Amino acid sequence: MLVLEGLMPFLAPQAWRNMFRRMTELTDGQIRFIGLSSILLGILFLTLQR
């Protein structure tokens, strides 16, 4: 997991920084939706892997 999370700042640090700057402008609801989507996608991948 950390390997994947480390790829973006390693390969494109400026884009990574801009992405986090834009995320600070999102509403709480938008951030929660992104979090929920990530959780569901992770569960789907784990289910498909089995």
PDB file of N, CA and C in Angstrom:
ATOM      1  N   MET A   1       0.818  -1.184   0.000  1.00  0.00           N
ATOM      2  CA  MET A   1       0.000   0.000   0.000  1.00  0.00           C
ATOM      3  C   MET A   1       0.869   1.258   0.000  1.00  0.00           C
ATOM      4  N   LEU A   2       1.875   1.293   0.860  1.00  0.00           N
ATOM      5  CA  LEU A   2       2.731   2.472   0.915  1.00  0.00           C
ATOM      6  C   LEU A   2       3.540   2.649  -0.361  1.00  0.00           C
ATOM      7  N   VAL A   3       3.848   1.540  -1.030  1.00  0.00           N
ATOM      8  CA  VAL A   3       4.563   1.643  -2.304  1.00  0.00           C
ATOM      9  C   VAL A   3       3.710   2.407  -3.303  1.00  0.00           C
ATOM     10  N   LEU A   4       2.426   2.063  -3.381  1.00  0.00           N
ATOM     11  CA  LEU A   4       1.529   2.752  -4.310  1.00  0.00           C
ATOM     12  C   LEU A   4       1.334   4.211  -3.913  1.00  0.00           C
ATOM     13  N   GLU A   5       1.207   4.471  -2.622  1.00  0.00           N
ATOM     14  CA  GLU A   5       1.024   5.845  -2.159  1.00  0.00           C
ATOM     15  C   GLU A   5       2.269   6.688  -2.390  1.00  0.00           C
ATOM     16  N   GLY A   6       3.427   6.070  -2.411  1.00  0.00           N
ATOM     17  CA  GLY A   6       4.671   6.803  -2.616  1.00  0.00           C
ATOM     18  C   GLY A   6       4.992   7.094  -4.066  1.00  0.00           C
ATOM     19  N   LEU A   7       4.318   6.427  -4.992  1.00  0.00           N
ATOM     20  CA  LEU A   7       4.617   6.635  -6.406  1.00  0.00           C
ATOM     21  C   LEU A   7       4.318   8.056  -6.873  1.00  0.00           C
ATOM     22  N   MET A   8       3.160   8.590  -6.512  1.00  0.00           N
ATOM     23  CA  MET A   8       2.762   9.912  -6.998  1.00  0.00           C
ATOM     24  C   MET A   8       3.729  11.013  -6.547  1.00  0.00           C
ATOM     25  N   PRO A   9       4.055  11.113  -5.246  1.00  0.00           N
ATOM     26  CA  PRO A   9       5.004  12.166  -4.869  1.00  0.00           C
ATOM     27  C   PRO A   9       6.406  11.947  -5.438  1.00  0.00           C
ATOM     28  N   PHE A  10       6.772  10.697  -5.688  1.00  0.00           N
ATOM     29  CA  PHE A  10       8.092  10.424  -6.257  1.00  0.00           C
ATOM     30  C   PHE A  10       8.147  10.793  -7.735  1.00  0.00           C
ATOM     31  N   LEU A  11       7.110  10.404  -8.491  1.00  0.00           N
ATOM     32  CA  LEU A  11       7.116  10.622  -9.937  1.00  0.00           C
ATOM     33  C   LEU A  11       6.694  12.029 -10.345  1.00  0.00           C
ATOM     34  N   ALA A  12       5.760  12.616  -9.608  1.00  0.00           N
ATOM     35  CA  ALA A  12       5.234  13.933  -9.986  1.00  0.00           C
ATOM     36  C   ALA A  12       4.946  14.759  -8.730  1.00  0.00           C
ATOM     37  N   PRO A  13       5.985  15.256  -8.072  1.00  0.00           N
ATOM     38  CA  PRO A  13       5.766  15.969  -6.813  1.00  0.00           C
ATOM     39  C   PRO A  13       4.910  17.229  -6.957  1.00  0.00           C
ATOM     40  N   GLN A  14       5.057  17.959  -8.044  1.00  0.00           N
ATOM     41  CA  GLN A  14       4.265  19.179  -8.232  1.00  0.00           C
ATOM     42  C   GLN A  14       2.781  18.850  -8.393  1.00  0.00           C
ATOM     43  N   ALA A  15       2.462  17.833  -9.175  1.00  0.00           N
ATOM     44  CA  ALA A  15       1.066  17.421  -9.354  1.00  0.00           C
ATOM     45  C   ALA A  15       0.487  16.918  -8.035  1.00  0.00           C
ATOM     46  N   TRP A  16       1.280  16.209  -7.260  1.00  0.00           N
ATOM     47  CA  TRP A  16       0.840  15.703  -5.954  1.00  0.00           C
ATOM     48  C   TRP A  16       0.518  16.863  -5.019  1.00  0.00           C
ATOM     49  N   ARG A  17       1.392  17.865  -5.005  1.00  0.00           N
ATOM     50  CA  ARG A  17       1.180  19.046  -4.164  1.00  0.00           C
ATOM     51  C   ARG A  17      -0.085  19.791  -4.594  1.00  0.00           C
ATOM     52  N   ASN A  18      -0.282  19.960  -5.896  1.00  0.00           N
ATOM     53  CA  ASN A  18      -1.475  20.639  -6.407  1.00  0.00           C
ATOM     54  C   ASN A  18      -2.744  19.870  -6.058  1.00  0.00           C
ATOM     55  N   MET A  19      -2.680  18.546  -6.125  1.00  0.00           N
ATOM     56  CA  MET A  19      -3.842  17.729  -5.793  1.00  0.00           C
ATOM     57  C   MET A  19      -4.259  17.970  -4.334  1.00  0.00           C
ATOM     58  N   PHE A  20      -3.296  18.006  -3.433  1.00  0.00           N
ATOM     59  CA  PHE A  20      -3.622  18.234  -2.026  1.00  0.00           C
ATOM     60  C   PHE A  20      -4.110  19.658  -1.789  1.00  0.00           C
ATOM     61  N   ARG A  21      -3.585  20.611  -2.538  1.00  0.00           N
ATOM     62  CA  ARG A  21      -4.072  21.982  -2.425  1.00  0.00           C
ATOM     63  C   ARG A  21      -5.544  22.058  -2.829  1.00  0.00           C
ATOM     64  N   ARG A  22      -5.900  21.361  -3.915  1.00  0.00           N
ATOM     65  CA  ARG A  22      -7.294  21.348  -4.376  1.00  0.00           C
ATOM     66  C   ARG A  22      -8.195  20.607  -3.394  1.00  0.00           C
ATOM     67  N   MET A  23      -7.664  19.570  -2.745  1.00  0.00           N
ATOM     68  CA  MET A  23      -8.476  18.814  -1.790  1.00  0.00           C
ATOM     69  C   MET A  23      -8.874  19.663  -0.588  1.00  0.00           C
ATOM     70  N   THR A  24      -8.058  20.643  -0.221  1.00  0.00           N
ATOM     71  CA  THR A  24      -8.407  21.499   0.912  1.00  0.00           C
ATOM     72  C   THR A  24      -9.599  22.390   0.596  1.00  0.00           C
ATOM     73  N   GLU A  25      -9.926  22.536  -0.678  1.00  0.00           N
ATOM     74  CA  GLU A  25     -11.055  23.373  -1.084  1.00  0.00           C
ATOM     75  C   GLU A  25     -12.362  22.583  -1.180  1.00  0.00           C
ATOM     76  N   LEU A  26     -12.304  21.261  -1.030  1.00  0.00           N
ATOM     77  CA  LEU A  26     -13.509  20.436  -1.109  1.00  0.00           C
ATOM     78  C   LEU A  26     -14.327  20.560   0.170  1.00  0.00           C
ATOM     79  N   THR A  27     -15.623  20.355   0.042  1.00  0.00           N
ATOM     80  CA  THR A  27     -16.484  20.356   1.225  1.00  0.00           C
ATOM     81  C   THR A  27     -16.313  19.040   1.977  1.00  0.00           C
ATOM     82  N   ASP A  28     -16.781  19.008   3.218  1.00  0.00           N
ATOM     83  CA  ASP A  28     -16.708  17.777   4.010  1.00  0.00           C
ATOM     84  C   ASP A  28     -17.455  16.642   3.320  1.00  0.00           C
ATOM     85  N   GLY A  29     -18.599  16.943   2.738  1.00  0.00           N
ATOM     86  CA  GLY A  29     -19.385  15.921   2.048  1.00  0.00           C
ATOM     87  C   GLY A  29     -18.642  15.320   0.869  1.00  0.00           C
ATOM     88  N   GLN A  30     -17.938  16.159   0.116  1.00  0.00           N
ATOM     89  CA  GLN A  30     -17.170  15.661  -1.029  1.00  0.00           C
ATOM     90  C   GLN A  30     -16.021  14.769  -0.567  1.00  0.00           C
ATOM     91  N   ILE A  31     -15.358  15.163   0.503  1.00  0.00           N
ATOM     92  CA  ILE A  31     -14.253  14.355   1.032  1.00  0.00           C
ATOM     93  C   ILE A  31     -14.772  13.021   1.562  1.00  0.00           C
ATOM     94  N   ARG A  32     -15.912  13.056   2.242  1.00  0.00           N
ATOM     95  CA  ARG A  32     -16.509  11.802   2.736  1.00  0.00           C
ATOM     96  C   ARG A  32     -16.881  10.886   1.578  1.00  0.00           C
ATOM     97  N   PHE A  33     -17.414  11.454   0.492  1.00  0.00           N
ATOM     98  CA  PHE A  33     -17.778  10.652  -0.676  1.00  0.00           C
ATOM     99  C   PHE A  33     -16.539  10.000  -1.282  1.00  0.00           C
ATOM    100  N   ILE A  34     -15.450  10.740  -1.376  1.00  0.00           N
ATOM    101  CA  ILE A  34     -14.198  10.180  -1.896  1.00  0.00           C
ATOM    102  C   ILE A  34     -13.720   9.047  -0.988  1.00  0.00           C
ATOM    103  N   GLY A  35     -13.791   9.261   0.323  1.00  0.00           N
ATOM    104  CA  GLY A  35     -13.384   8.223   1.272  1.00  0.00           C
ATOM    105  C   GLY A  35     -14.241   6.980   1.163  1.00  0.00           C
ATOM    106  N   LEU A  36     -15.563   7.165   1.095  1.00  0.00           N
ATOM    107  CA  LEU A  36     -16.473   6.026   0.963  1.00  0.00           C
ATOM    108  C   LEU A  36     -16.224   5.285  -0.347  1.00  0.00           C
ATOM    109  N   SER A  37     -16.015   6.025  -1.430  1.00  0.00           N
ATOM    110  CA  SER A  37     -15.742   5.394  -2.724  1.00  0.00           C
ATOM    111  C   SER A  37     -14.462   4.572  -2.669  1.00  0.00           C
ATOM    112  N   SER A  38     -13.439   5.101  -2.008  1.00  0.00           N
ATOM    113  CA  SER A  38     -12.174   4.372  -1.872  1.00  0.00           C
ATOM    114  C   SER A  38     -12.354   3.092  -1.069  1.00  0.00           C
ATOM    115  N   ILE A  39     -13.120   3.176   0.014  1.00  0.00           N
ATOM    116  CA  ILE A  39     -13.383   1.989   0.837  1.00  0.00           C
ATOM    117  C   ILE A  39     -14.104   0.925   0.021  1.00  0.00           C
ATOM    118  N   LEU A  40     -15.167   1.333  -0.676  1.00  0.00           N
ATOM    119  CA  LEU A  40     -15.945   0.369  -1.464  1.00  0.00           C
ATOM    120  C   LEU A  40     -15.119  -0.234  -2.593  1.00  0.00           C
ATOM    121  N   LEU A  41     -14.292   0.579  -3.234  1.00  0.00           N
ATOM    122  CA  LEU A  41     -13.435   0.069  -4.305  1.00  0.00           C
ATOM    123  C   LEU A  41     -12.421  -0.932  -3.755  1.00  0.00           C
ATOM    124  N   GLY A  42     -11.857  -0.646  -2.586  1.00  0.00           N
ATOM    125  CA  GLY A  42     -10.927  -1.577  -1.950  1.00  0.00           C
ATOM    126  C   GLY A  42     -11.590  -2.893  -1.590  1.00  0.00           C
ATOM    127  N   ILE A  43     -12.816  -2.825  -1.058  1.00  0.00           N
ATOM    128  CA  ILE A  43     -13.561  -4.046  -0.734  1.00  0.00           C
ATOM    129  C   ILE A  43     -13.849  -4.839  -2.002  1.00  0.00           C
ATOM    130  N   LEU A  44     -14.222  -4.142  -3.073  1.00  0.00           N
ATOM    131  CA  LEU A  44     -14.488  -4.814  -4.349  1.00  0.00           C
ATOM    132  C   LEU A  44     -13.238  -5.529  -4.854  1.00  0.00           C
ATOM    133  N   PHE A  45     -12.087  -4.849  -4.812  1.00  0.00           N
ATOM    134  CA  PHE A  45     -10.845  -5.475  -5.261  1.00  0.00           C
ATOM    135  C   PHE A  45     -10.495  -6.692  -4.417  1.00  0.00           C
ATOM    136  N   LEU A  46     -10.670  -6.591  -3.098  1.00  0.00           N
ATOM    137  CA  LEU A  46     -10.394  -7.741  -2.227  1.00  0.00           C
ATOM    138  C   LEU A  46     -11.330  -8.903  -2.535  1.00  0.00           C
ATOM    139  N   THR A  47     -12.596  -8.596  -2.797  1.00  0.00           N
ATOM    140  CA  THR A  47     -13.577  -9.634  -3.115  1.00  0.00           C
ATOM    141  C   THR A  47     -13.231 -10.313  -4.437  1.00  0.00           C
ATOM    142  N   LEU A  48     -12.851  -9.530  -5.428  1.00  0.00           N
ATOM    143  CA  LEU A  48     -12.514 -10.096  -6.736  1.00  0.00           C
ATOM    144  C   LEU A  48     -11.224 -10.906  -6.686  1.00  0.00           C
ATOM    145  N   GLN A  49     -10.320 -10.529  -5.797  1.00  0.00           N
ATOM    146  CA  GLN A  49      -9.043 -11.229  -5.682  1.00  0.00           C
ATOM    147  C   GLN A  49      -9.220 -12.634  -5.117  1.00  0.00           C
ATOM    148  N   ARG A  50     -10.208 -12.823  -4.282  1.00  0.00           N
ATOM    149  CA  ARG A  50     -10.442 -14.132  -3.668  1.00  0.00           C
ATOM    150  C   ARG A  50     -11.033 -15.000  -4.695  1.00  0.00           C
TER     151      ARG A  50
END
